[in-house]
N, C-alpha and C. Protein backbone atom coordinates (compact mmCIF):
# COMPACT_ATOMS: atom_id res chain seq x y z
N UNK A 1 -56.54 7.24 7.19
CA UNK A 1 -56.87 7.79 5.86
C UNK A 1 -55.21 8.63 6.05
N UNK A 2 -55.62 9.66 7.27
CA UNK A 2 -54.97 10.78 7.85
C UNK A 2 -53.56 10.08 8.81
N UNK A 3 -54.19 8.70 9.02
CA UNK A 3 -52.94 8.24 10.26
C UNK A 3 -51.57 7.70 8.78
N UNK A 4 -52.11 6.82 7.69
CA UNK A 4 -51.25 6.44 6.93
C UNK A 4 -50.15 7.55 6.49
N UNK A 5 -51.22 9.25 5.91
CA UNK A 5 -50.12 9.75 5.61
C UNK A 5 -49.21 10.60 6.62
N UNK A 6 -49.41 10.90 8.28
CA UNK A 6 -48.90 11.16 8.90
C UNK A 6 -47.46 9.89 9.12
N UNK A 7 -47.77 8.78 9.25
CA UNK A 7 -46.95 7.95 9.01
C UNK A 7 -46.02 7.83 7.90
N UNK A 8 -46.13 8.11 6.44
CA UNK A 8 -45.45 8.23 5.74
C UNK A 8 -44.68 9.37 5.70
N UNK A 9 -45.41 10.84 6.15
CA UNK A 9 -44.69 11.80 6.34
C UNK A 9 -43.46 11.66 7.30
N UNK A 10 -43.84 10.99 8.16
CA UNK A 10 -42.74 11.08 9.57
C UNK A 10 -41.56 9.87 8.54
N UNK A 11 -41.64 8.97 8.05
CA UNK A 11 -40.92 8.50 7.59
C UNK A 11 -40.33 8.81 6.63
N UNK A 12 -40.55 9.89 5.41
CA UNK A 12 -40.23 10.33 4.28
C UNK A 12 -39.40 11.48 5.24
N UNK A 13 -39.56 12.64 6.07
CA UNK A 13 -38.46 13.30 7.51
C UNK A 13 -37.41 12.44 7.98
N UNK A 14 -38.04 11.40 8.05
CA UNK A 14 -36.59 10.53 8.95
C UNK A 14 -35.36 10.09 7.54
N UNK A 15 -35.75 9.75 6.36
CA UNK A 15 -34.84 9.62 5.73
C UNK A 15 -34.12 11.00 5.04
N UNK A 16 -35.04 11.73 5.46
CA UNK A 16 -34.15 13.28 4.69
C UNK A 16 -33.21 13.73 5.52
N UNK A 17 -33.16 13.21 7.37
CA UNK A 17 -32.45 13.60 8.38
C UNK A 17 -31.24 12.63 7.98
N UNK A 18 -31.62 11.14 7.67
CA UNK A 18 -30.34 10.38 7.38
C UNK A 18 -29.42 10.87 6.35
N UNK A 19 -30.03 10.94 5.43
CA UNK A 19 -28.96 11.47 4.14
C UNK A 19 -28.51 12.70 4.24
N UNK A 20 -29.30 13.53 4.88
CA UNK A 20 -28.40 14.91 5.24
C UNK A 20 -27.44 14.56 6.32
N UNK A 21 -27.65 13.68 7.30
CA UNK A 21 -26.74 13.32 8.39
C UNK A 21 -25.38 12.57 8.21
N UNK A 22 -25.67 11.76 6.88
CA UNK A 22 -24.52 10.96 6.57
C UNK A 22 -23.07 11.48 6.00
N UNK A 23 -23.45 12.38 4.90
CA UNK A 23 -22.25 13.40 4.46
C UNK A 23 -21.24 14.45 5.78
N UNK A 24 -22.11 14.58 6.42
CA UNK A 24 -21.54 15.32 8.31
C UNK A 24 -21.24 14.56 8.61
N UNK A 25 -21.08 12.91 8.85
CA UNK A 25 -20.79 12.16 9.89
C UNK A 25 -19.37 11.56 9.10
N UNK A 26 -19.32 11.06 7.92
CA UNK A 26 -18.19 10.67 7.11
C UNK A 26 -17.08 12.44 7.17
N UNK A 27 -17.70 13.30 6.78
CA UNK A 27 -16.71 14.36 7.28
C UNK A 27 -15.80 14.70 8.69
N UNK A 28 -16.77 14.23 9.45
CA UNK A 28 -15.93 14.27 10.93
C UNK A 28 -14.78 13.40 11.16
N UNK A 29 -15.29 12.95 10.42
CA UNK A 29 -14.44 10.87 10.53
C UNK A 29 -12.77 11.76 9.89
N UNK A 30 -12.56 12.88 9.07
CA UNK A 30 -11.46 13.48 8.56
C UNK A 30 -11.17 14.06 9.06
N UNK A 31 -10.12 14.54 9.30
CA UNK A 31 -9.49 15.89 10.01
C UNK A 31 -9.89 16.98 8.99
N UNK A 32 -10.15 18.11 9.73
CA UNK A 32 -10.67 19.41 8.70
C UNK A 32 -9.60 20.07 8.52
N UNK A 33 -9.72 20.54 7.16
CA UNK A 33 -8.24 21.83 7.10
C UNK A 33 -7.17 21.36 7.01
N UNK A 34 -7.06 19.64 6.37
CA UNK A 34 -6.00 19.21 6.95
C UNK A 34 -4.56 20.17 5.61
N UNK A 35 -3.73 20.01 5.46
CA UNK A 35 -2.65 20.51 4.39
C UNK A 35 -1.88 19.48 4.22
N UNK A 36 -1.30 19.61 2.81
CA UNK A 36 -0.74 18.30 2.32
C UNK A 36 0.61 17.50 2.99
N UNK A 37 1.08 18.90 3.73
CA UNK A 37 2.08 18.25 4.21
C UNK A 37 1.59 17.65 5.86
N UNK A 38 0.56 17.99 6.09
CA UNK A 38 0.12 17.22 7.18
C UNK A 38 -0.35 16.08 6.90
N UNK A 39 -1.12 15.96 6.00
CA UNK A 39 -1.07 14.44 5.39
C UNK A 39 -0.47 13.66 5.11
N UNK A 40 0.55 13.92 4.56
CA UNK A 40 2.16 13.69 4.34
C UNK A 40 2.86 12.72 5.78
N UNK A 41 2.50 13.70 6.84
CA UNK A 41 2.93 13.31 7.57
C UNK A 41 2.43 12.44 8.68
N UNK A 42 1.27 12.30 8.39
CA UNK A 42 0.31 11.44 9.06
C UNK A 42 0.43 10.06 8.58
N UNK A 43 0.33 10.14 7.47
CA UNK A 43 0.94 9.16 6.41
C UNK A 43 1.99 8.02 6.86
N UNK A 44 2.99 9.12 7.08
CA UNK A 44 4.49 8.45 7.17
C UNK A 44 4.17 8.00 8.52
N UNK A 45 3.87 8.48 9.57
CA UNK A 45 3.57 7.95 11.07
C UNK A 45 2.85 6.63 10.77
N UNK A 46 1.85 6.75 10.14
CA UNK A 46 1.22 5.09 10.04
C UNK A 46 2.08 4.44 9.27
N UNK A 47 2.35 4.41 8.22
CA UNK A 47 3.61 3.31 7.78
C UNK A 47 4.77 2.83 8.59
N UNK A 48 5.27 3.86 9.59
CA UNK A 48 6.00 4.08 10.53
C UNK A 48 5.56 2.85 11.48
N UNK A 49 4.22 2.91 11.87
CA UNK A 49 3.93 2.09 13.01
C UNK A 49 3.78 0.51 12.13
N UNK A 50 3.51 0.52 11.02
CA UNK A 50 3.20 -0.68 10.28
C UNK A 50 4.21 -1.48 10.71
N UNK A 51 5.39 -0.98 10.10
CA UNK A 51 6.81 -1.05 10.04
C UNK A 51 7.34 -2.10 11.28
N UNK A 52 7.42 -1.06 12.05
CA UNK A 52 7.44 -1.39 13.47
C UNK A 52 7.05 -2.82 14.18
N UNK A 53 5.44 -2.76 13.73
CA UNK A 53 4.88 -3.72 14.17
C UNK A 53 5.58 -5.32 13.18
N UNK A 54 5.48 -4.76 11.73
CA UNK A 54 5.98 -6.10 11.25
C UNK A 54 7.49 -6.19 11.33
N UNK A 55 8.33 -5.59 11.91
CA UNK A 55 9.91 -5.70 12.41
C UNK A 55 9.33 -6.69 13.51
N UNK A 56 8.81 -6.02 13.97
CA UNK A 56 9.10 -6.93 15.77
C UNK A 56 8.28 -8.33 15.44
N UNK A 57 7.02 -8.37 14.71
CA UNK A 57 6.82 -10.21 14.42
C UNK A 57 8.02 -11.13 13.80
N UNK A 58 8.57 -10.47 12.96
CA UNK A 58 9.47 -11.14 12.51
C UNK A 58 10.77 -11.16 13.39
N UNK A 59 10.92 -10.67 14.29
CA UNK A 59 12.27 -10.50 15.14
C UNK A 59 11.79 -11.81 16.19
N UNK A 60 10.43 -11.67 16.43
CA UNK A 60 10.20 -12.90 17.28
C UNK A 60 9.46 -14.11 16.59
N UNK A 61 9.85 -14.09 15.35
CA UNK A 61 9.66 -15.51 14.77
C UNK A 61 8.31 -15.84 14.63
N UNK A 62 7.04 -14.66 14.74
CA UNK A 62 5.56 -15.17 14.76
C UNK A 62 4.77 -14.56 14.19
N UNK A 63 4.72 -14.62 12.81
CA UNK A 63 4.19 -13.99 11.49
C UNK A 63 3.48 -14.73 10.33
N UNK A 64 3.13 -13.53 9.55
CA UNK A 64 2.46 -14.47 8.11
C UNK A 64 2.45 -13.44 7.40
N UNK A 65 3.11 -14.18 5.92
CA UNK A 65 3.08 -13.39 4.93
C UNK A 65 1.80 -13.62 3.96
N UNK A 66 0.87 -12.88 3.62
CA UNK A 66 -0.07 -13.42 3.17
C UNK A 66 0.03 -12.65 1.53
N UNK A 67 0.21 -13.22 0.81
CA UNK A 67 0.76 -13.19 -0.69
C UNK A 67 -0.81 -12.41 -1.70
N UNK A 68 -0.36 -11.41 -1.64
CA UNK A 68 -1.31 -10.79 -2.72
C UNK A 68 -0.96 -11.10 -4.13
N UNK A 69 0.77 -11.15 -4.74
CA UNK A 69 0.98 -11.32 -6.01
C UNK A 69 1.59 -12.58 -6.22
N UNK A 70 2.00 -13.17 -6.90
CA UNK A 70 3.21 -14.24 -7.63
C UNK A 70 4.39 -13.90 -8.72
N UNK A 71 5.04 -14.23 -8.63
CA UNK A 71 6.00 -14.31 -9.44
C UNK A 71 6.77 -15.56 -10.15
N UNK A 72 6.55 -16.27 -10.86
CA UNK A 72 7.37 -17.53 -11.38
C UNK A 72 8.65 -17.09 -12.10
N UNK A 73 9.71 -17.78 -11.65
CA UNK A 73 11.21 -17.35 -12.66
C UNK A 73 11.03 -16.78 -13.69
N UNK A 74 10.03 -17.37 -14.68
CA UNK A 74 10.33 -16.67 -16.11
C UNK A 74 9.72 -16.09 -15.86
N UNK A 75 8.72 -15.75 -15.48
CA UNK A 75 7.41 -14.67 -15.82
C UNK A 75 8.09 -13.29 -15.34
N UNK A 76 7.58 -12.15 -16.05
CA UNK A 76 8.05 -10.63 -16.16
C UNK A 76 6.77 -10.25 -15.26
N UNK A 77 5.67 -10.20 -14.71
CA UNK A 77 4.89 -9.77 -13.92
C UNK A 77 4.38 -10.35 -13.03
N UNK A 78 3.72 -9.59 -11.81
CA UNK A 78 3.04 -10.30 -10.65
C UNK A 78 1.92 -10.56 -10.59
N UNK A 79 1.42 -11.57 -10.66
CA UNK A 79 -0.30 -12.24 -11.27
C UNK A 79 -0.82 -11.82 -9.63
N UNK A 80 -1.79 -11.41 -9.55
CA UNK A 80 -2.66 -12.06 -7.99
C UNK A 80 -3.15 -12.68 -8.05
N UNK A 81 -2.83 -13.28 -6.76
CA UNK A 81 -3.33 -14.53 -6.49
C UNK A 81 -4.22 -14.70 -5.05
N UNK A 82 -4.99 -15.53 -4.66
CA UNK A 82 -5.59 -15.79 -3.38
C UNK A 82 -4.77 -15.48 -2.44
N UNK A 83 -4.88 -14.56 -1.23
CA UNK A 83 -4.01 -14.42 -0.14
C UNK A 83 -4.31 -15.94 1.06
N UNK A 84 -5.35 -16.56 1.13
CA UNK A 84 -5.74 -17.45 1.97
C UNK A 84 -5.13 -18.52 1.61
N UNK A 85 -4.59 -18.85 0.55
CA UNK A 85 -4.18 -20.34 -0.06
C UNK A 85 -2.56 -19.93 -0.77
N UNK A 86 -1.89 -18.81 -0.75
CA UNK A 86 -0.81 -18.53 -0.37
C UNK A 86 -0.46 -18.06 0.33
N UNK A 87 1.07 -18.16 1.31
CA UNK A 87 1.50 -18.02 2.12
C UNK A 87 2.54 -18.21 2.78
N UNK A 88 3.38 -17.43 3.43
CA UNK A 88 4.21 -17.78 4.20
C UNK A 88 4.19 -17.55 5.74
N UNK A 89 4.13 -18.78 6.36
CA UNK A 89 3.59 -18.47 8.16
C UNK A 89 4.95 -19.07 8.74
N UNK A 90 5.09 -18.36 9.71
CA UNK A 90 6.33 -18.88 10.58
C UNK A 90 5.78 -18.41 12.05
N UNK A 91 6.13 -19.60 13.02
CA UNK A 91 5.73 -19.75 14.36
C UNK A 91 6.69 -20.37 15.34
N UNK A 92 7.35 -19.63 15.86
CA UNK A 92 8.71 -20.29 16.50
C UNK A 92 9.59 -20.77 15.22
N UNK A 93 9.79 -21.96 15.91
CA UNK A 93 10.84 -22.58 14.55
C UNK A 93 10.77 -23.32 13.35
N UNK A 94 9.22 -23.36 13.22
CA UNK A 94 8.32 -24.12 12.27
C UNK A 94 7.89 -22.99 10.91
N UNK A 95 8.55 -23.52 9.63
CA UNK A 95 7.47 -22.48 8.94
C UNK A 95 6.97 -23.20 7.91
N UNK A 96 5.72 -22.55 7.19
CA UNK A 96 5.26 -23.03 6.33
C UNK A 96 4.93 -22.23 5.23
N UNK A 97 5.08 -22.90 3.82
CA UNK A 97 5.73 -21.95 2.69
C UNK A 97 4.32 -22.78 2.06
N UNK A 98 3.04 -22.16 1.08
CA UNK A 98 1.96 -22.95 0.11
C UNK A 98 1.58 -21.89 -0.77
N UNK A 99 1.68 -22.65 -1.85
CA UNK A 99 1.60 -21.99 -2.84
C UNK A 99 0.03 -22.92 -3.41
N UNK A 100 -1.31 -22.44 -3.77
CA UNK A 100 -2.15 -22.96 -4.44
C UNK A 100 -3.00 -22.16 -5.41
N UNK A 101 -3.88 -23.00 -6.18
CA UNK A 101 -4.55 -21.64 -7.42
C UNK A 101 -5.56 -22.44 -7.34
N UNK A 102 -7.36 -21.37 -7.78
CA UNK A 102 -8.09 -21.77 -7.65
C UNK A 102 -8.53 -22.19 -9.46
N UNK A 103 -7.60 -22.24 -10.35
CA UNK A 103 -7.65 -21.94 -11.59
C UNK A 103 -6.90 -23.59 -12.19
N UNK A 104 -6.13 -24.20 -11.19
CA UNK A 104 -5.42 -25.55 -11.66
C UNK A 104 -6.32 -26.69 -12.04
N UNK A 105 -5.70 -27.41 -12.89
CA UNK A 105 -6.64 -28.70 -13.22
C UNK A 105 -6.33 -29.54 -12.55
N UNK A 106 -5.35 -29.64 -11.91
CA UNK A 106 -4.88 -30.57 -11.16
C UNK A 106 -5.01 -30.35 -9.32
N UNK A 107 -5.03 -31.28 -9.08
CA UNK A 107 -5.39 -30.68 -7.34
C UNK A 107 -3.80 -30.51 -6.82
N UNK A 108 -2.66 -30.49 -7.31
CA UNK A 108 -1.52 -30.52 -6.76
C UNK A 108 -1.10 -31.60 -5.80
N UNK A 109 -0.12 -31.67 -4.77
CA UNK A 109 -0.05 -31.81 -3.64
C UNK A 109 -0.38 -31.81 -2.33
N UNK A 110 -1.11 -30.56 -2.62
CA UNK A 110 -1.41 -29.96 -1.26
C UNK A 110 -3.37 -30.07 -1.33
N UNK A 111 -3.44 -31.07 -2.70
CA UNK A 111 -5.12 -30.52 -3.04
C UNK A 111 -5.47 -29.42 -2.97
N UNK A 112 -5.07 -28.37 -3.16
CA UNK A 112 -5.14 -26.99 -3.46
C UNK A 112 -4.47 -26.40 -4.56
N UNK A 113 -4.36 -27.33 -5.79
CA UNK A 113 -3.77 -26.87 -6.74
C UNK A 113 -2.50 -26.30 -6.85
N UNK A 114 -1.34 -27.28 -5.59
CA UNK A 114 0.02 -26.32 -5.52
C UNK A 114 0.84 -26.86 -4.87
N UNK A 115 1.81 -26.59 -4.19
CA UNK A 115 2.59 -27.36 -3.21
C UNK A 115 2.36 -26.72 -1.72
N UNK A 116 2.50 -27.71 -0.43
CA UNK A 116 3.00 -27.04 0.61
C UNK A 116 3.69 -27.76 1.61
N UNK A 117 5.02 -26.88 1.90
CA UNK A 117 6.21 -27.50 2.38
C UNK A 117 6.26 -27.22 3.86
N UNK A 118 6.35 -27.86 5.09
CA UNK A 118 6.22 -27.27 6.23
C UNK A 118 7.30 -27.95 7.40
N UNK A 119 7.87 -27.35 7.87
CA UNK A 119 9.34 -27.91 8.49
C UNK A 119 9.85 -27.17 9.75
N UNK A 120 10.46 -27.38 10.39
CA UNK A 120 11.76 -26.88 11.41
C UNK A 120 12.27 -26.00 10.25
N UNK A 121 12.33 -25.33 10.88
CA UNK A 121 13.55 -23.76 9.87
C UNK A 121 14.96 -24.05 10.43
N UNK A 122 16.17 -24.39 9.54
CA UNK A 122 17.15 -24.33 9.87
C UNK A 122 18.04 -23.37 9.08
N UNK A 123 19.13 -22.40 9.65
CA UNK A 123 20.01 -21.98 8.77
C UNK A 123 19.52 -20.51 8.92
N UNK A 124 19.11 -20.04 10.56
CA UNK A 124 18.51 -18.99 10.12
C UNK A 124 18.92 -18.03 10.21
N UNK A 125 18.80 -16.76 9.51
CA UNK A 125 19.66 -15.26 9.72
C UNK A 125 18.85 -14.01 9.55
N UNK A 126 18.85 -13.21 10.59
CA UNK A 126 18.16 -11.72 10.36
C UNK A 126 19.04 -10.57 10.47
N UNK A 127 19.25 -10.04 9.09
CA UNK A 127 20.06 -8.61 9.12
C UNK A 127 19.37 -7.38 8.89
N UNK A 128 19.60 -6.58 10.20
CA UNK A 128 18.64 -5.61 9.91
C UNK A 128 19.78 -4.19 9.56
N UNK A 129 19.36 -3.41 8.67
CA UNK A 129 19.78 -1.89 8.52
C UNK A 129 18.81 -1.05 9.40
N UNK A 130 18.82 -0.57 9.93
CA UNK A 130 18.30 0.41 11.03
C UNK A 130 18.01 1.89 10.57
N UNK A 131 19.69 2.50 9.92
CA UNK A 131 19.01 3.64 9.18
C UNK A 131 18.22 3.82 7.68
N UNK A 132 18.51 1.98 7.09
CA UNK A 132 17.42 2.37 5.94
C UNK A 132 16.28 1.62 6.26
N UNK A 133 16.27 1.23 6.84
CA UNK A 133 14.49 0.40 7.69
C UNK A 133 14.28 -0.64 7.02
N UNK A 134 15.69 -1.70 6.42
CA UNK A 134 15.22 -3.14 6.10
C UNK A 134 15.80 -3.76 7.06
N UNK A 135 15.06 -5.03 6.54
CA UNK A 135 15.38 -6.14 7.51
C UNK A 135 15.26 -7.27 6.51
N UNK A 136 16.16 -8.19 6.62
CA UNK A 136 16.59 -9.17 5.86
C UNK A 136 16.48 -10.46 6.72
N UNK A 137 15.43 -11.60 6.19
CA UNK A 137 15.64 -13.25 6.86
C UNK A 137 15.68 -13.80 5.74
N UNK A 138 16.77 -15.08 6.17
CA UNK A 138 16.51 -16.34 5.36
C UNK A 138 16.73 -17.17 6.74
N UNK A 139 16.00 -18.12 5.70
CA UNK A 139 16.05 -19.94 6.51
C UNK A 139 15.89 -20.66 5.65
N UNK A 140 15.95 -21.73 6.00
CA UNK A 140 14.93 -23.14 5.03
C UNK A 140 14.88 -24.07 5.44
N UNK A 141 13.62 -24.36 5.21
CA UNK A 141 12.65 -25.30 5.57
C UNK A 141 12.44 -26.80 4.98
N UNK A 142 12.69 -27.80 5.84
CA UNK A 142 12.86 -29.06 5.87
C UNK A 142 11.51 -29.87 5.60
N UNK A 143 10.94 -29.98 4.84
CA UNK A 143 9.92 -30.40 4.78
C UNK A 143 9.93 -32.10 3.95
N UNK A 144 8.55 -32.74 4.18
CA UNK A 144 8.25 -33.94 3.58
C UNK A 144 8.31 -33.82 1.96
N UNK A 145 8.12 -32.52 1.35
CA UNK A 145 8.58 -32.79 -0.13
C UNK A 145 9.88 -31.74 -0.95
N UNK A 146 10.42 -32.03 0.52
CA UNK A 146 11.75 -31.09 -0.04
C UNK A 146 12.58 -29.98 0.97
N UNK A 147 13.47 -29.49 0.52
CA UNK A 147 13.76 -28.09 1.31
C UNK A 147 13.58 -27.18 0.07
N UNK A 148 13.57 -26.08 1.14
CA UNK A 148 12.93 -24.86 0.75
C UNK A 148 13.63 -23.44 0.88
N UNK A 149 14.40 -22.65 0.30
CA UNK A 149 15.45 -21.74 0.97
C UNK A 149 14.39 -20.42 1.05
N UNK A 150 14.05 -19.76 1.90
CA UNK A 150 13.44 -18.60 2.03
C UNK A 150 13.98 -17.69 2.10
N UNK A 151 14.08 -16.03 1.22
CA UNK A 151 14.70 -14.93 2.17
C UNK A 151 13.76 -14.17 1.73
N UNK A 152 13.64 -13.61 3.18
CA UNK A 152 12.67 -12.24 3.04
C UNK A 152 12.90 -11.13 3.42
N UNK A 153 12.03 -9.93 2.82
CA UNK A 153 13.02 -8.57 2.59
C UNK A 153 11.74 -7.62 3.19
N UNK A 154 11.54 -6.81 3.97
CA UNK A 154 10.90 -5.63 3.94
C UNK A 154 11.56 -4.28 4.34
N UNK A 155 10.88 -3.51 3.93
CA UNK A 155 11.82 -1.81 3.62
C UNK A 155 11.21 -0.92 3.69
N UNK A 156 11.09 -0.30 5.43
CA UNK A 156 10.27 0.41 5.82
C UNK A 156 8.71 0.47 5.66
N UNK A 157 8.17 -0.51 5.55
CA UNK A 157 6.61 -0.92 5.45
C UNK A 157 6.30 -1.76 6.29
N UNK A 158 5.06 -2.58 5.84
CA UNK A 158 4.87 -3.90 6.30
C UNK A 158 4.91 -4.77 5.11
N UNK A 159 5.06 -4.13 3.65
CA UNK A 159 5.08 -5.00 3.08
C UNK A 159 6.11 -5.78 2.83
N UNK A 160 6.05 -7.30 2.52
CA UNK A 160 7.21 -8.29 2.12
C UNK A 160 7.58 -8.61 0.84
N UNK A 161 9.05 -8.88 0.60
CA UNK A 161 9.04 -9.61 -0.59
C UNK A 161 9.67 -10.81 -0.41
N UNK A 162 9.15 -11.91 -0.72
CA UNK A 162 9.27 -13.05 0.01
C UNK A 162 10.10 -14.13 -1.34
N UNK A 163 11.28 -14.48 -1.32
CA UNK A 163 11.91 -15.62 -2.56
C UNK A 163 11.86 -16.92 -2.01
N UNK A 164 11.36 -17.76 -2.64
CA UNK A 164 11.02 -18.86 -2.40
C UNK A 164 12.07 -19.52 -3.80
N UNK A 165 12.78 -20.70 -2.91
CA UNK A 165 13.55 -21.44 -3.76
C UNK A 165 13.90 -22.83 -3.35
N UNK A 166 13.23 -23.55 -3.84
CA UNK A 166 13.20 -25.32 -4.12
C UNK A 166 14.10 -26.15 -4.21
N UNK A 167 15.26 -26.35 -3.62
CA UNK A 167 16.27 -27.11 -3.77
C UNK A 167 16.05 -28.06 -4.50
N UNK A 168 15.13 -28.94 -4.34
CA UNK A 168 15.12 -30.44 -4.82
C UNK A 168 14.16 -30.70 -5.89
N UNK A 169 13.26 -29.47 -6.42
CA UNK A 169 12.59 -29.58 -7.66
C UNK A 169 13.17 -28.54 -8.38
N UNK A 170 13.77 -27.89 -8.23
CA UNK A 170 14.36 -26.71 -8.99
C UNK A 170 13.28 -26.13 -9.71
N UNK A 171 12.73 -25.13 -8.91
CA UNK A 171 11.81 -23.86 -9.29
C UNK A 171 12.04 -22.88 -7.76
N UNK A 172 11.84 -21.66 -8.56
CA UNK A 172 11.64 -20.44 -8.04
C UNK A 172 10.76 -19.81 -7.77
N UNK A 173 10.33 -18.98 -7.17
CA UNK A 173 9.02 -17.93 -7.41
C UNK A 173 9.43 -16.45 -6.14
N UNK A 174 8.58 -15.34 -6.55
CA UNK A 174 8.34 -14.52 -5.69
C UNK A 174 7.29 -13.86 -5.07
N UNK A 175 6.96 -13.97 -4.30
CA UNK A 175 5.85 -13.37 -3.56
C UNK A 175 5.71 -12.01 -2.88
N UNK A 176 4.54 -11.85 -2.73
CA UNK A 176 4.73 -10.18 -2.41
C UNK A 176 3.40 -10.32 -1.52
N UNK A 177 3.43 -9.94 -0.22
CA UNK A 177 2.64 -9.12 0.68
C UNK A 177 2.52 -8.60 1.82
N UNK A 178 1.67 -8.49 2.84
CA UNK A 178 1.90 -7.95 3.96
C UNK A 178 2.31 -8.71 4.97
N UNK A 179 3.05 -8.63 5.91
CA UNK A 179 3.20 -9.35 7.22
C UNK A 179 2.33 -8.52 8.39
N UNK A 180 1.72 -10.19 8.90
CA UNK A 180 0.53 -9.71 9.83
C UNK A 180 0.85 -10.65 10.89
N UNK A 181 0.03 -10.66 12.01
CA UNK A 181 0.35 -11.44 13.00
C UNK A 181 -0.29 -12.81 12.80
N UNK A 182 0.15 -14.32 13.43
CA UNK A 182 -0.54 -15.05 13.08
C UNK A 182 -2.30 -15.19 13.72
N UNK A 183 -2.31 -14.40 14.29
CA UNK A 183 -3.74 -14.55 15.14
C UNK A 183 -5.09 -13.58 14.02
N UNK A 184 -4.06 -12.55 13.30
CA UNK A 184 -4.86 -11.97 12.77
C UNK A 184 -5.06 -12.95 10.67
N UNK A 185 -4.59 -13.73 10.75
CA UNK A 185 -4.48 -14.32 9.37
C UNK A 185 -5.44 -14.84 8.99
N UNK A 186 -6.46 -15.06 7.94
CA UNK A 186 -7.16 -15.68 7.15
C UNK A 186 -6.76 -16.73 6.32
N UNK A 187 -6.46 -17.65 6.52
CA UNK A 187 -5.28 -18.54 5.60
C UNK A 187 -6.09 -19.95 5.86
N UNK A 188 -5.82 -20.98 4.78
CA UNK A 188 -6.69 -21.80 4.94
C UNK A 188 -4.74 -23.23 4.38
N UNK A 189 -4.48 -23.90 5.37
CA UNK A 189 -3.56 -24.96 5.26
C UNK A 189 -3.68 -26.16 4.63
N UNK A 190 -3.09 -26.44 2.96
CA UNK A 190 -3.17 -27.44 2.51
C UNK A 190 -2.85 -29.02 3.01
N UNK A 191 -2.36 -30.10 2.66
CA UNK A 191 -1.94 -31.07 3.43
C UNK A 191 -0.45 -31.05 2.39
N UNK A 192 0.55 -31.86 3.45
CA UNK A 192 1.84 -31.34 2.81
C UNK A 192 2.06 -32.44 1.77
N UNK A 193 1.09 -33.67 1.66
CA UNK A 193 2.00 -34.61 0.46
C UNK A 193 0.78 -35.22 -0.57
C-alpha cells in the first residue's frame, strides 16, 4: 500500500513540475522585455526575408503559389479554398495552373471539380520595381484545354496575387496565396483533360 502511495505522490510531483515548467519554457522562446519598436523591427526583417526568398524563386522560375482564396470575375469577395488543389506551379519553362473544389457536383475536367492547364510558358515578362519592392510576372500557358494568360504580383512580402484569364473559354479569376519553393509545396495535381 505504501508503494502505491509513493508512486502516486511521485507522479503527482512530476506532473506539478511539468505544469510549472511549461510557462517558463514558452517565455524563454519569446524575447524578454521587447519594446513595440523592437517587435516592429523584428517583423519588418522577417517580412523582408520572406520577400527576398519569394523574389529569388520567381526570378529563378521555380515556385508554387498555393491559393488560400479565389475570386471569380463577378465575385466581390475572396472565397477560401483548399490550397492542395488550387495553385500555380512554375518549374523552369513549364507552368501548371489548377483550380479544384471539394464541393463541386461535377468532377470537372481534372477530376477535382475544376480544371488543370499545363504547358510550356510563352511571352514571359518579369518587371521589378526595386524601390517599391514589387515584382510583376506575366506569361501564357498553352495546354490541352486551351491558353491561359497569367499575371502574378508580389509587393514587399511573399504573398502573391495571381490573375488567370482563359482565352479560349472566356473566364477569369484571381487567386491569393504565398510564394513557396516547389519542394516545400504540398499539392495534388489532377489530370489535364
